[in-house]
C-alpha atoms as a PDB file:
ATOM      1  CA  MET A   1      -0.090  -0.028  -0.197  1.00  0.00           C
ATOM      2  CA  SER A   2       1.225   3.253  -1.073  1.00  0.00           C
ATOM      3  CA  GLU A   3       2.275   6.141   1.221  1.00  0.00           C
ATOM      4  CA  GLN A   4       0.000   8.164  -0.665  1.00  0.00           C
ATOM      5  CA  THR A   5      -3.448   6.121   0.547  1.00  0.00           C
ATOM      6  CA  PHE A   6      -2.476   5.001   3.749  1.00  0.00           C
ATOM      7  CA  GLN A   7      -5.086   6.336   5.170  1.00  0.00           C
ATOM      8  CA  THR A   8      -8.511   4.754   7.069  1.00  0.00           C
ATOM      9  CA  LEU A   9     -11.296   4.226   6.213  1.00  0.00           C
ATOM     10  CA  GLY A  10     -12.441   6.553   9.671  1.00  0.00           C
ATOM     11  CA  GLU A  11     -10.333   9.011   8.440  1.00  0.00           C
ATOM     12  CA  PHE A  12     -11.476   9.580   5.128  1.00  0.00           C
ATOM     13  CA  ILE A  13     -15.284  10.321   6.249  1.00  0.00           C
ATOM     14  CA  ILE A  14     -13.903  12.856   8.594  1.00  0.00           C
ATOM     15  CA  ASP A  15     -11.848  14.394   5.728  1.00  0.00           C
ATOM     16  CA  LYS A  16     -15.011  14.311   3.338  1.00  0.00           C
ATOM     17  CA  GLN A  17     -17.526  15.430   5.654  1.00  0.00           C
ATOM     18  CA  ASP A  18     -17.641  18.855   3.433  1.00  0.00           C
ATOM     19  CA  ASP A  19     -18.731  17.273   0.428  1.00  0.00           C
ATOM     20  CA  PHE A  20     -21.250  16.029   1.827  1.00  0.00           C
ATOM     21  CA  LYS A  21     -24.212  18.961   2.273  1.00  0.00           C
ATOM     22  CA  TYR A  22     -25.772  17.680   5.302  1.00  0.00           C
ATOM     23  CA  SER A  23     -22.912  17.297   6.794  1.00  0.00           C
ATOM     24  CA  THR A  24     -23.173  17.166  10.645  1.00  0.00           C
ATOM     25  CA  GLY A  25     -21.526  14.407  11.791  1.00  0.00           C
ATOM     26  CA  GLU A  26     -24.653  11.921  11.674  1.00  0.00           C
ATOM     27  CA  LEU A  27     -23.218  10.844   8.296  1.00  0.00           C
ATOM     28  CA  SER A  28     -20.063   9.554   9.994  1.00  0.00           C
ATOM     29  CA  ARG A  29     -21.678   8.064  12.501  1.00  0.00           C
ATOM     30  CA  LEU A  30     -24.145   5.988   9.845  1.00  0.00           C
ATOM     31  CA  LEU A  31     -21.210   4.832   8.120  1.00  0.00           C
ATOM     32  CA  SER A  32     -19.004   3.744  10.814  1.00  0.00           C
ATOM     33  CA  ALA A  33     -22.222   1.994  11.787  1.00  0.00           C
ATOM     34  CA  ILE A  34     -22.170  -0.047   8.792  1.00  0.00           C
ATOM     35  CA  ARG A  35     -18.254  -0.405   8.979  1.00  0.00           C
ATOM     36  CA  LEU A  36     -18.499  -1.946  12.458  1.00  0.00           C
ATOM     37  CA  ALA A  37     -21.087  -4.588  11.553  1.00  0.00           C
ATOM     38  CA  SER A  38     -18.994  -5.004   8.241  1.00  0.00           C
ATOM     39  CA  LYS A  39     -16.102  -6.652  10.220  1.00  0.00           C
ATOM     40  CA  VAL A  40     -18.741  -9.063  12.581  1.00  0.00           C
ATOM     41  CA  VAL A  41     -20.157 -10.451   9.255  1.00  0.00           C
ATOM     42  CA  ASN A  42     -17.147 -10.526   7.643  1.00  0.00           C
ATOM     43  CA  ARG A  43     -15.839 -12.756  10.506  1.00  0.00           C
ATOM     44  CA  GLU A  44     -19.067 -14.712  10.411  1.00  0.00           C
ATOM     45  CA  VAL A  45     -18.072 -15.390   6.576  1.00  0.00           C
ATOM     46  CA  ASN A  46     -14.645 -16.336   7.164  1.00  0.00           C
ATOM     47  CA  LYS A  47     -15.690 -19.508   9.982  1.00  0.00           C
ATOM     48  CA  ALA A  48     -19.383 -20.457   8.491  1.00  0.00           C
ATOM     49  CA  GLY A  49     -17.714 -23.517   7.770  1.00  0.00           C
ATOM     50  CA  ILE A  50     -16.571 -24.706  10.841  1.00  0.00           C
ATOM     51  CA  ALA A  51     -19.105 -22.500  13.094  1.00  0.00           C
ATOM     52  CA  GLU A  52     -22.470 -24.399  11.710  1.00  0.00           C
ATOM     53  CA  ILE A  53     -23.684 -21.287  10.027  1.00  0.00           C
ATOM     54  CA  ILE A  54     -23.749 -22.425   6.444  1.00  0.00           C
ATOM     55  CA  GLY A  55     -26.951 -23.936   4.531  1.00  0.00           C
ATOM     56  CA  HIS A  56     -30.648 -23.383   4.888  1.00  0.00           C
ATOM     57  CA  ALA A  57     -31.950 -21.421   7.612  1.00  0.00           C
ATOM     58  CA  GLY A  58     -35.315 -23.606   7.159  1.00  0.00           C
ATOM     59  CA  ASN A  59     -37.633 -20.672   6.165  1.00  0.00           C
ATOM     60  CA  GLN A  60     -37.922 -18.214   3.047  1.00  0.00           C
ATOM     61  CA  ASN A  61     -37.592 -14.553   2.969  1.00  0.00           C
ATOM     62  CA  VAL A  62     -40.662 -12.173   1.779  1.00  0.00           C
ATOM     63  CA  GLN A  63     -39.631 -12.667  -2.005  1.00  0.00           C
ATOM     64  CA  GLY A  64     -39.854 -16.906  -1.435  1.00  0.00           C
ATOM     65  CA  GLU A  65     -36.317 -17.039  -1.406  1.00  0.00           C
ATOM     66  CA  ASP A  66     -34.786 -20.097   0.839  1.00  0.00           C
ATOM     67  CA  GLN A  67     -33.267 -18.208   3.574  1.00  0.00           C
ATOM     68  CA  GLN A  68     -29.328 -19.021   4.059  1.00  0.00           C
ATOM     69  CA  LYS A  69     -28.498 -19.219   8.402  1.00  0.00           C
ATOM     70  CA  LEU A  70     -26.080 -16.254   7.034  1.00  0.00           C
ATOM     71  CA  ASP A  71     -28.727 -13.877   5.728  1.00  0.00           C
ATOM     72  CA  VAL A  72     -30.493 -14.254   8.863  1.00  0.00           C
ATOM     73  CA  LEU A  73     -27.270 -13.464  11.055  1.00  0.00           C
ATOM     74  CA  ALA A  74     -25.642 -10.880   8.785  1.00  0.00           C
ATOM     75  CA  ASN A  75     -30.006  -9.391   8.777  1.00  0.00           C
ATOM     76  CA  ASN A  76     -29.837  -9.354  12.882  1.00  0.00           C
ATOM     77  CA  LEU A  77     -26.035  -7.452  12.872  1.00  0.00           C
ATOM     78  CA  PHE A  78     -26.321  -4.752  10.252  1.00  0.00           C
ATOM     79  CA  ILE A  79     -30.219  -3.860  11.578  1.00  0.00           C
ATOM     80  CA  GLU A  80     -28.752  -3.493  15.616  1.00  0.00           C
ATOM     81  CA  ALA A  81     -25.586  -1.820  14.578  1.00  0.00           C
ATOM     82  CA  LEU A  82     -27.925   0.398  12.660  1.00  0.00           C
ATOM     83  CA  SER A  83     -30.641   1.134  15.334  1.00  0.00           C
ATOM     84  CA  GLN A  84     -27.791   2.249  18.418  1.00  0.00           C
ATOM     85  CA  ARG A  85     -26.343   5.398  16.222  1.00  0.00           C
ATOM     86  CA  GLU A  86     -29.109   7.482  17.221  1.00  0.00           C
ATOM     87  CA  VAL A  87     -29.090   8.044  13.315  1.00  0.00           C
ATOM     88  CA  VAL A  88     -31.270   6.169  11.284  1.00  0.00           C
ATOM     89  CA  CYS A  89     -35.313   6.302  12.198  1.00  0.00           C
ATOM     90  CA  GLY A  90     -36.173   3.007  10.055  1.00  0.00           C
ATOM     91  CA  ILE A  91     -34.313   0.554   7.939  1.00  0.00           C
ATOM     92  CA  ALA A  92     -36.008  -1.376   5.260  1.00  0.00           C
ATOM     93  CA  SER A  93     -34.185  -4.988   4.402  1.00  0.00           C
ATOM     94  CA  GLU A  94     -34.521  -7.548   1.884  1.00  0.00           C
ATOM     95  CA  GLU A  95     -35.235 -10.057   4.436  1.00  0.00           C
ATOM     96  CA  SER A  96     -37.908  -8.693   6.199  1.00  0.00           C
ATOM     97  CA  ASP A  97     -41.691  -8.059   5.010  1.00  0.00           C
ATOM     98  CA  ASP A  98     -42.053  -4.654   5.724  1.00  0.00           C
ATOM     99  CA  PHE A  99     -39.927  -2.082   6.761  1.00  0.00           C
ATOM    100  CA  ILE A 100     -38.549  -1.653  10.458  1.00  0.00           C
ATOM    101  CA  GLU A 101     -39.129   1.811  12.930  1.00  0.00           C
ATOM    102  CA  ILE A 102     -36.478   2.089  14.831  1.00  0.00           C
ATOM    103  CA  LYS A 103     -37.324   2.344  18.517  1.00  0.00           C
ATOM    104  CA  ALA A 104     -33.804   1.670  20.224  1.00  0.00           C
ATOM    105  CA  THR A 105     -33.483   5.123  21.861  1.00  0.00           C
ATOM    106  CA  SER A 106     -36.399   7.586  22.934  1.00  0.00           C
ATOM    107  CA  ASN A 107     -35.566  10.255  20.429  1.00  0.00           C
ATOM    108  CA  ALA A 108     -35.401   7.474  17.953  1.00  0.00           C
ATOM    109  CA  HIS A 109     -38.186   9.308  16.025  1.00  0.00           C
ATOM    110  CA  LEU A 110     -36.474  12.477  15.591  1.00  0.00           C
ATOM    111  CA  ASN A 111     -33.330  10.590  13.215  1.00  0.00           C
ATOM    112  CA  LYS A 112     -33.518  12.162   9.647  1.00  0.00           C
ATOM    113  CA  TYR A 113     -31.962   9.429   7.932  1.00  0.00           C
ATOM    114  CA  VAL A 114     -33.365   5.933   6.619  1.00  0.00           C
ATOM    115  CA  VAL A 115     -31.167   2.964   5.015  1.00  0.00           C
ATOM    116  CA  LEU A 116     -32.112   0.121   2.846  1.00  0.00           C
ATOM    117  CA  ILE A 117     -30.149  -2.595   2.650  1.00  0.00           C
ATOM    118  CA  ASP A 118     -29.181  -6.292   1.290  1.00  0.00           C
ATOM    119  CA  PRO A 119     -27.345  -8.157   4.236  1.00  0.00           C
ATOM    120  CA  LEU A 120     -26.172 -10.513   2.070  1.00  0.00           C
ATOM    121  CA  ASP A 121     -25.569 -10.718  -1.612  1.00  0.00           C
ATOM    122  CA  GLY A 122     -25.250 -13.687  -2.674  1.00  0.00           C
ATOM    123  CA  SER A 123     -25.725 -15.964  -0.263  1.00  0.00           C
ATOM    124  CA  SER A 124     -26.213 -19.208  -1.832  1.00  0.00           C
ATOM    125  CA  ASN A 125     -22.777 -19.131  -2.794  1.00  0.00           C
ATOM    126  CA  ILE A 126     -21.341 -18.973   0.736  1.00  0.00           C
ATOM    127  CA  ASP A 127     -21.576 -23.207   0.386  1.00  0.00           C
ATOM    128  CA  VAL A 128     -18.887 -22.988  -2.053  1.00  0.00           C
ATOM    129  CA  ASN A 129     -16.543 -20.242  -0.774  1.00  0.00           C
ATOM    130  CA  VAL A 130     -17.450 -17.688  -3.384  1.00  0.00           C
ATOM    131  CA  SER A 131     -17.326 -14.278  -2.594  1.00  0.00           C
ATOM    132  CA  VAL A 132     -20.505 -12.764  -1.482  1.00  0.00           C
ATOM    133  CA  GLY A 133     -21.593  -9.266  -0.316  1.00  0.00           C
ATOM    134  CA  THR A 134     -23.998  -6.243   1.755  1.00  0.00           C
ATOM    135  CA  ILE A 135     -25.476  -3.458  -0.453  1.00  0.00           C
ATOM    136  CA  PHE A 136     -26.620  -0.578   1.228  1.00  0.00           C
ATOM    137  CA  SER A 137     -28.389   2.574   0.220  1.00  0.00           C
ATOM    138  CA  ILE A 138     -29.500   5.805   2.180  1.00  0.00           C
ATOM    139  CA  TYR A 139     -31.666   8.142   2.151  1.00  0.00           C
ATOM    140  CA  ARG A 140     -33.138  11.385   4.170  1.00  0.00           C
ATOM    141  CA  ARG A 141     -35.961  10.833   5.381  1.00  0.00           C
ATOM    142  CA  VAL A 142     -39.180  13.252   3.616  1.00  0.00           C
ATOM    143  CA  THR A 143     -41.524  12.713   6.271  1.00  0.00           C
ATOM    144  CA  GLU A 144     -41.537  15.213   9.409  1.00  0.00           C
ATOM    145  CA  PRO A 145     -38.666  14.183  11.936  1.00  0.00           C
ATOM    146  CA  GLY A 146     -40.468  13.598  15.411  1.00  0.00           C
ATOM    147  CA  THR A 147     -43.113  11.912  13.797  1.00  0.00           C
ATOM    148  CA  PRO A 148     -42.727   7.827  12.900  1.00  0.00           C
ATOM    149  CA  VAL A 149     -41.337   6.638  10.112  1.00  0.00           C
ATOM    150  CA  GLN A 150     -43.501   5.586   6.960  1.00  0.00           C
ATOM    151  CA  LEU A 151     -43.473   3.878   3.879  1.00  0.00           C
ATOM    152  CA  LYS A 152     -42.816   7.017   1.709  1.00  0.00           C
ATOM    153  CA  ASP A 153     -39.630   7.670   3.157  1.00  0.00           C
ATOM    154  CA  PHE A 154     -38.354   4.708   1.439  1.00  0.00           C
ATOM    155  CA  LEU A 155     -40.337   4.452  -1.660  1.00  0.00           C
ATOM    156  CA  GLN A 156     -37.804   7.101  -3.271  1.00  0.00           C
ATOM    157  CA  LYS A 157     -36.069   7.579  -6.475  1.00  0.00           C
ATOM    158  CA  GLY A 158     -32.295   6.318  -6.622  1.00  0.00           C
ATOM    159  CA  VAL A 159     -31.282  10.128  -7.770  1.00  0.00           C
ATOM    160  CA  LYS A 160     -32.608  11.096  -4.026  1.00  0.00           C
ATOM    161  CA  GLN A 161     -30.086   9.039  -2.578  1.00  0.00           C
ATOM    162  CA  VAL A 162     -27.217  10.716   0.009  1.00  0.00           C
ATOM    163  CA  ALA A 163     -25.216   7.695   0.150  1.00  0.00           C
ATOM    164  CA  ALA A 164     -24.644   4.250  -1.426  1.00  0.00           C
ATOM    165  CA  GLY A 165     -22.146   1.386  -1.174  1.00  0.00           C
ATOM    166  CA  TYR A 166     -21.232  -2.189  -0.870  1.00  0.00           C
ATOM    167  CA  VAL A 167     -18.993  -4.585   1.246  1.00  0.00           C
ATOM    168  CA  VAL A 168     -17.227  -7.682  -1.226  1.00  0.00           C
ATOM    169  CA  TYR A 169     -16.107 -10.468   1.836  1.00  0.00           C
ATOM    170  CA  GLY A 170     -13.677 -12.262  -0.799  1.00  0.00           C
ATOM    171  CA  SER A 171     -10.392 -12.552  -1.023  1.00  0.00           C
ATOM    172  CA  SER A 172      -9.796  -9.434   0.690  1.00  0.00           C
ATOM    173  CA  THR A 173     -12.422  -7.757   2.387  1.00  0.00           C
ATOM    174  CA  MET A 174     -13.247  -3.957   1.339  1.00  0.00           C
ATOM    175  CA  ILE A 175     -16.330  -1.266   1.427  1.00  0.00           C
ATOM    176  CA  VAL A 176     -16.654   0.531  -1.629  1.00  0.00           C
ATOM    177  CA  TYR A 177     -19.005   3.671  -1.132  1.00  0.00           C
ATOM    178  CA  THR A 178     -19.982   7.081  -2.713  1.00  0.00           C
ATOM    179  CA  THR A 179     -21.959   9.981  -1.173  1.00  0.00           C
ATOM    180  CA  GLY A 180     -22.395  11.659  -4.563  1.00  0.00           C
ATOM    181  CA  ASN A 181     -18.866  12.758  -4.914  1.00  0.00           C
ATOM    182  CA  GLY A 182     -16.938   9.829  -6.664  1.00  0.00           C
ATOM    183  CA  VAL A 183     -15.944   6.392  -5.656  1.00  0.00           C
ATOM    184  CA  ASN A 184     -13.511   5.146  -3.675  1.00  0.00           C
ATOM    185  CA  GLY A 185     -12.512   1.537  -2.117  1.00  0.00           C
ATOM    186  CA  PHE A 186     -11.509   0.491   1.027  1.00  0.00           C
ATOM    187  CA  THR A 187      -9.543  -2.829   1.736  1.00  0.00           C
ATOM    188  CA  LEU A 188      -9.428  -4.355   5.341  1.00  0.00           C
ATOM    189  CA  ASP A 189      -6.431  -5.077   7.403  1.00  0.00           C
ATOM    190  CA  PRO A 190      -7.383  -8.017   9.019  1.00  0.00           C
ATOM    191  CA  SER A 191      -4.434  -8.382  11.246  1.00  0.00           C
ATOM    192  CA  ILE A 192      -5.650  -4.587  12.919  1.00  0.00           C
ATOM    193  CA  GLY A 193      -9.472  -4.535  11.623  1.00  0.00           C
ATOM    194  CA  THR A 194      -9.076  -1.631   9.629  1.00  0.00           C
ATOM    195  CA  TYR A 195      -9.963  -0.366   6.333  1.00  0.00           C
ATOM    196  CA  TYR A 196      -7.729   1.652   4.419  1.00  0.00           C
ATOM    197  CA  LEU A 197      -7.825   3.443   1.140  1.00  0.00           C
ATOM    198  CA  SER A 198      -7.067   1.279  -1.889  1.00  0.00           C
ATOM    199  CA  HIS A 199      -8.695   2.407  -4.279  1.00  0.00           C
ATOM    200  CA  PRO A 200      -9.625   6.161  -5.127  1.00  0.00           C
ATOM    201  CA  ASN A 201     -11.307   7.783  -7.127  1.00  0.00           C
ATOM    202  CA  MET A 202     -12.818   4.744  -9.022  1.00  0.00           C
ATOM    203  CA  LYS A 203     -14.015   4.724 -12.924  1.00  0.00           C
ATOM    204  CA  PHE A 204     -15.173   2.668 -15.075  1.00  0.00           C
ATOM    205  CA  PRO A 205     -13.621   1.995 -18.353  1.00  0.00           C
ATOM    206  CA  THR A 206     -16.086   3.043 -21.027  1.00  0.00           C
ATOM    207  CA  MET A 207     -15.322   0.059 -22.902  1.00  0.00           C
ATOM    208  CA  GLY A 208     -15.186  -3.521 -21.779  1.00  0.00           C
ATOM    209  CA  LYS A 209     -14.413  -6.592 -22.858  1.00  0.00           C
ATOM    210  CA  ILE A 210     -16.641  -8.758 -20.317  1.00  0.00           C
ATOM    211  CA  TYR A 211     -20.509  -9.549 -20.014  1.00  0.00           C
ATOM    212  CA  SER A 212     -21.906 -10.487 -17.290  1.00  0.00           C
ATOM    213  CA  ILE A 213     -25.476 -12.834 -17.930  1.00  0.00           C
ATOM    214  CA  ASN A 214     -27.023 -16.560 -16.617  1.00  0.00           C
ATOM    215  CA  GLU A 215     -26.780 -17.829 -19.863  1.00  0.00           C
ATOM    216  CA  GLY A 216     -28.426 -20.337 -18.837  1.00  0.00           C
ATOM    217  CA  ASN A 217     -31.605 -19.016 -19.160  1.00  0.00           C
ATOM    218  CA  TYR A 218     -31.403 -17.678 -22.258  1.00  0.00           C
ATOM    219  CA  ILE A 219     -33.929 -19.569 -23.902  1.00  0.00           C
ATOM    220  CA  LYS A 220     -36.427 -17.352 -21.604  1.00  0.00           C
ATOM    221  CA  PHE A 221     -34.949 -13.867 -22.246  1.00  0.00           C
ATOM    222  CA  PRO A 222     -36.378 -11.021 -24.189  1.00  0.00           C
ATOM    223  CA  GLN A 223     -35.099 -10.561 -27.836  1.00  0.00           C
ATOM    224  CA  GLY A 224     -32.887  -7.913 -27.500  1.00  0.00           C
ATOM    225  CA  VAL A 225     -31.092  -9.352 -24.624  1.00  0.00           C
ATOM    226  CA  LYS A 226     -30.358 -12.535 -27.085  1.00  0.00           C
ATOM    227  CA  ASP A 227     -29.458 -10.248 -29.874  1.00  0.00           C
ATOM    228  CA  TYR A 228     -27.051  -8.324 -27.576  1.00  0.00           C
ATOM    229  CA  ILE A 229     -25.457 -11.633 -26.337  1.00  0.00           C
ATOM    230  CA  LYS A 230     -25.076 -12.554 -29.654  1.00  0.00           C
ATOM    231  CA  TYR A 231     -23.676  -9.623 -31.163  1.00  0.00           C
ATOM    232  CA  CYS A 232     -20.585 -10.158 -28.276  1.00  0.00           C
ATOM    233  CA  GLN A 233     -20.130 -13.638 -29.013  1.00  0.00           C
ATOM    234  CA  LEU A 234     -19.476 -12.451 -32.796  1.00  0.00           C
ATOM    235  CA  GLU A 235     -15.924 -12.483 -34.103  1.00  0.00           C
ATOM    236  CA  GLU A 236     -15.572  -9.432 -35.756  1.00  0.00           C
ATOM    237  CA  GLY A 237     -13.380  -5.832 -34.366  1.00  0.00           C
ATOM    238  CA  ASP A 238     -12.390  -6.141 -30.028  1.00  0.00           C
ATOM    239  CA  ARG A 239     -14.660  -9.200 -29.967  1.00  0.00           C
ATOM    240  CA  PRO A 240     -16.002 -12.007 -29.330  1.00  0.00           C
ATOM    241  CA  TYR A 241     -16.343 -10.579 -25.413  1.00  0.00           C
ATOM    242  CA  THR A 242     -15.155 -13.101 -22.365  1.00  0.00           C
ATOM    243  CA  SER A 243     -18.223 -14.168 -20.402  1.00  0.00           C
ATOM    244  CA  ARG A 244     -17.906 -13.954 -16.381  1.00  0.00           C
ATOM    245  CA  TYR A 245     -20.676 -14.529 -14.395  1.00  0.00           C
ATOM    246  CA  ILE A 246     -20.076 -15.060 -10.496  1.00  0.00           C
ATOM    247  CA  GLY A 247     -23.730 -14.843  -9.297  1.00  0.00           C
ATOM    248  CA  SER A 248     -23.047 -12.723  -7.139  1.00  0.00           C
ATOM    249  CA  LEU A 249     -24.362  -8.950  -8.132  1.00  0.00           C
ATOM    250  CA  VAL A 250     -21.432  -7.439  -5.562  1.00  0.00           C
ATOM    251  CA  SER A 251     -18.826  -9.520  -6.875  1.00  0.00           C
ATOM    252  CA  ASP A 252     -19.580  -9.326 -10.502  1.00  0.00           C
ATOM    253  CA  PHE A 253     -20.379  -5.512 -10.301  1.00  0.00           C
ATOM    254  CA  HIS A 254     -16.721  -4.897  -8.493  1.00  0.00           C
ATOM    255  CA  ARG A 255     -14.860  -6.764 -11.091  1.00  0.00           C
ATOM    256  CA  ASN A 256     -16.775  -5.325 -13.897  1.00  0.00           C
ATOM    257  CA  MET A 257     -16.173  -1.560 -12.926  1.00  0.00           C
ATOM    258  CA  ILE A 258     -12.190  -2.624 -12.081  1.00  0.00           C
ATOM    259  CA  LYS A 259     -11.959  -4.319 -15.612  1.00  0.00           C
ATOM    260  CA  GLY A 260     -14.594  -3.028 -18.087  1.00  0.00           C
ATOM    261  CA  GLY A 261     -17.981  -5.096 -18.092  1.00  0.00           C
ATOM    262  CA  ILE A 262     -21.664  -5.414 -18.342  1.00  0.00           C
ATOM    263  CA  TYR A 263     -24.006  -6.666 -15.828  1.00  0.00           C
ATOM    264  CA  ILE A 264     -27.659  -7.694 -16.915  1.00  0.00           C
ATOM    265  CA  TYR A 265     -30.011  -9.617 -14.963  1.00  0.00           C
ATOM    266  CA  PRO A 266     -33.084  -9.029 -17.516  1.00  0.00           C
ATOM    267  CA  SER A 267     -36.700  -9.703 -17.362  1.00  0.00           C
ATOM    268  CA  THR A 268     -37.422 -13.628 -18.485  1.00  0.00           C
ATOM    269  CA  SER A 269     -40.497 -15.694 -19.353  1.00  0.00           C
ATOM    270  CA  GLN A 270     -41.245 -16.286 -15.857  1.00  0.00           C
ATOM    271  CA  SER A 271     -39.985 -13.089 -14.012  1.00  0.00           C
ATOM    272  CA  PRO A 272     -41.498 -10.566 -16.618  1.00  0.00           C
ATOM    273  CA  LYS A 273     -41.003  -7.709 -14.328  1.00  0.00           C
ATOM    274  CA  GLY A 274     -37.295  -8.926 -13.467  1.00  0.00           C
ATOM    275  CA  LYS A 275     -35.805 -10.385 -10.521  1.00  0.00           C
ATOM    276  CA  LEU A 276     -33.326  -8.591  -8.926  1.00  0.00           C
ATOM    277  CA  ARG A 277     -34.606  -5.994  -6.270  1.00  0.00           C
ATOM    278  CA  LEU A 278     -34.922  -1.669  -7.062  1.00  0.00           C
ATOM    279  CA  LEU A 279     -34.759  -0.844  -4.310  1.00  0.00           C
ATOM    280  CA  TYR A 280     -31.588  -2.878  -2.068  1.00  0.00           C
ATOM    281  CA  GLU A 281     -29.962  -3.891  -5.166  1.00  0.00           C
ATOM    282  CA  CYS A 282     -30.362  -1.844  -8.660  1.00  0.00           C
ATOM    283  CA  ASN A 283     -30.542   1.796  -6.958  1.00  0.00           C
ATOM    284  CA  PRO A 284     -27.296   1.612  -4.997  1.00  0.00           C
ATOM    285  CA  MET A 285     -25.782  -0.005  -7.763  1.00  0.00           C
ATOM    286  CA  ALA A 286     -26.861   2.491 -10.052  1.00  0.00           C
ATOM    287  CA  LEU A 287     -25.753   5.550  -7.873  1.00  0.00           C
ATOM    288  CA  LEU A 288     -22.132   3.884  -7.512  1.00  0.00           C
ATOM    289  CA  ALA A 289     -22.322   3.051 -11.476  1.00  0.00           C
ATOM    290  CA  GLU A 290     -22.718   6.955 -12.506  1.00  0.00           C
ATOM    291  CA  GLN A 291     -20.596   8.329  -9.945  1.00  0.00           C
ATOM    292  CA  ALA A 292     -18.087   5.593 -11.771  1.00  0.00           C
ATOM    293  CA  GLY A 293     -18.911   7.370 -15.046  1.00  0.00           C
ATOM    294  CA  GLY A 294     -20.778   4.029 -15.960  1.00  0.00           C
ATOM    295  CA  LYS A 295     -24.628   3.376 -17.102  1.00  0.00           C
ATOM    296  CA  ALA A 296     -27.103   1.529 -15.485  1.00  0.00           C
ATOM    297  CA  SER A 297     -31.220   1.184 -16.903  1.00  0.00           C
ATOM    298  CA  ASP A 298     -33.352  -1.469 -17.181  1.00  0.00           C
ATOM    299  CA  GLY A 299     -33.094  -1.676 -21.028  1.00  0.00           C
ATOM    300  CA  TYR A 300     -35.209   1.552 -21.671  1.00  0.00           C
ATOM    301  CA  ARG A 301     -34.587   4.241 -19.135  1.00  0.00           C
ATOM    302  CA  ARG A 302     -32.319   5.075 -16.051  1.00  0.00           C
ATOM    303  CA  ILE A 303     -32.805   3.400 -13.377  1.00  0.00           C
ATOM    304  CA  LEU A 304     -32.395   5.776 -10.965  1.00  0.00           C
ATOM    305  CA  GLU A 305     -35.553   7.814 -12.551  1.00  0.00           C
ATOM    306  CA  ILE A 306     -37.750   4.862 -12.001  1.00  0.00           C
ATOM    307  CA  GLU A 307     -40.049   5.548  -9.347  1.00  0.00           C
ATOM    308  CA  PRO A 308     -40.664   3.231  -6.806  1.00  0.00           C
ATOM    309  CA  THR A 309     -44.289   1.933  -6.240  1.00  0.00           C
ATOM    310  CA  GLU A 310     -43.357  -0.731  -3.614  1.00  0.00           C
ATOM    311  CA  LEU A 311     -40.809  -1.781  -1.060  1.00  0.00           C
ATOM    312  CA  HIS A 312     -39.782  -5.353  -2.853  1.00  0.00           C
ATOM    313  CA  GLN A 313     -40.337  -3.978  -6.441  1.00  0.00           C
ATOM    314  CA  ARG A 314     -37.971  -6.138  -8.852  1.00  0.00           C
ATOM    315  CA  VAL A 315     -36.760  -4.682 -12.296  1.00  0.00           C
ATOM    316  CA  PRO A 316     -34.809  -6.044 -15.219  1.00  0.00           C
ATOM    317  CA  PHE A 317     -31.161  -4.445 -14.738  1.00  0.00           C
ATOM    318  CA  PHE A 318     -28.466  -3.420 -17.421  1.00  0.00           C
ATOM    319  CA  CYS A 319     -25.798  -1.790 -15.474  1.00  0.00           C
ATOM    320  CA  GLY A 320     -21.786  -0.866 -16.243  1.00  0.00           C
ATOM    321  CA  SER A 321     -19.249   0.352 -18.828  1.00  0.00           C
ATOM    322  CA  ALA A 322     -21.491   3.167 -20.107  1.00  0.00           C
ATOM    323  CA  ALA A 323     -20.699   2.263 -23.880  1.00  0.00           C
ATOM    324  CA  MET A 324     -21.853  -1.487 -23.278  1.00  0.00           C
ATOM    325  CA  VAL A 325     -25.048  -0.298 -21.920  1.00  0.00           C
ATOM    326  CA  THR A 326     -25.852   2.351 -24.404  1.00  0.00           C
ATOM    327  CA  LYS A 327     -24.987  -0.685 -27.193  1.00  0.00           C
ATOM    328  CA  ALA A 328     -27.067  -3.080 -25.209  1.00  0.00           C
ATOM    329  CA  GLU A 329     -30.284  -0.336 -25.335  1.00  0.00           C
ATOM    330  CA  GLU A 330     -29.721  -0.021 -28.567  1.00  0.00           C
ATOM    331  CA  PHE A 331     -30.455  -3.696 -28.870  1.00  0.00           C
ATOM    332  CA  MET A 332     -33.523  -3.451 -26.845  1.00  0.00           C
ATOM    333  CA  ALA A 333     -35.246  -0.925 -28.313  1.00  0.00           C
ATOM    334  CA  LYS A 334     -34.530  -2.641 -31.850  1.00  0.00           C
ATOM    335  CA  ALA A 335     -36.280  -5.777 -31.061  1.00  0.00           C
ATOM    336  CA  LEU A 336     -38.782  -3.794 -30.120  1.00  0.00           C
ATOM    337  CA  LYS A 337     -39.770  -2.523 -33.834  1.00  0.00           C
ATOM    338  CA  PRO A 338     -42.299  -3.910 -35.782  1.00  0.00           C
END
């Protein structure tokens, strides 16, 4: 690690508070809570195989997906950490049916922020020792502080996010986040439990040579997606592109941001509205992508401009290097023409 980047996450947050227009120290406490919880989750992920916390928990989440034991553990850890910092008035989690009103302190209803979180993205990969992650999204509440948090505090367009990020638990553990002033990545030094700035000012290459999609579902894809995949595989110019798909949104996104590429999780004949959640997955990743010079859409429109109508809303997701997403949108539009 170079001397120029030998800066801790805590120091970086303090140094950059002036970039945050609502800066009163609250964001620092909120991000510190996420930092703390991520360290505990990282510890549990790393010892999952010997602590008997791999496999199914025996129940399903609101999306009808089998919950893993670590899903439940990570969910509880993040909710507990976020509830104690006197900053958050409400939390919505992919693992919970409804949003949670924070009542940990007597004046919690005065807090200004809500957090939406996917506590353990890609958790089905835990059993086979593949990278997983946490995704978070932060908004200022739109209802009056001092009143109970309401659903409309969570149903905000992605452009209203004040911060978003993810944690990737892999060969190294990293926090990558934005407050609307670029994207920065911090790597955990496990020997002392401290995150250090390792990837300042992260940027998507405008073009890449990786496309990430579950091609096993090819027969179920819209025609525009099928046509784009054929385009990626064609021996012409700088193509064919390389297919790389991990099955963990955080991991696929992280690789593509560093190396250049596009991630696609389209609608299918079985899931016509898409599979990924707008509020917990797509909005935070879209903000990160745009702040890193990339692009994110549902194939036709900007993700961050979609008006949410429900807490667990699903949308198709095209995200990555700007030129590649634009090209995919062209195929989607062309396929609609008679």
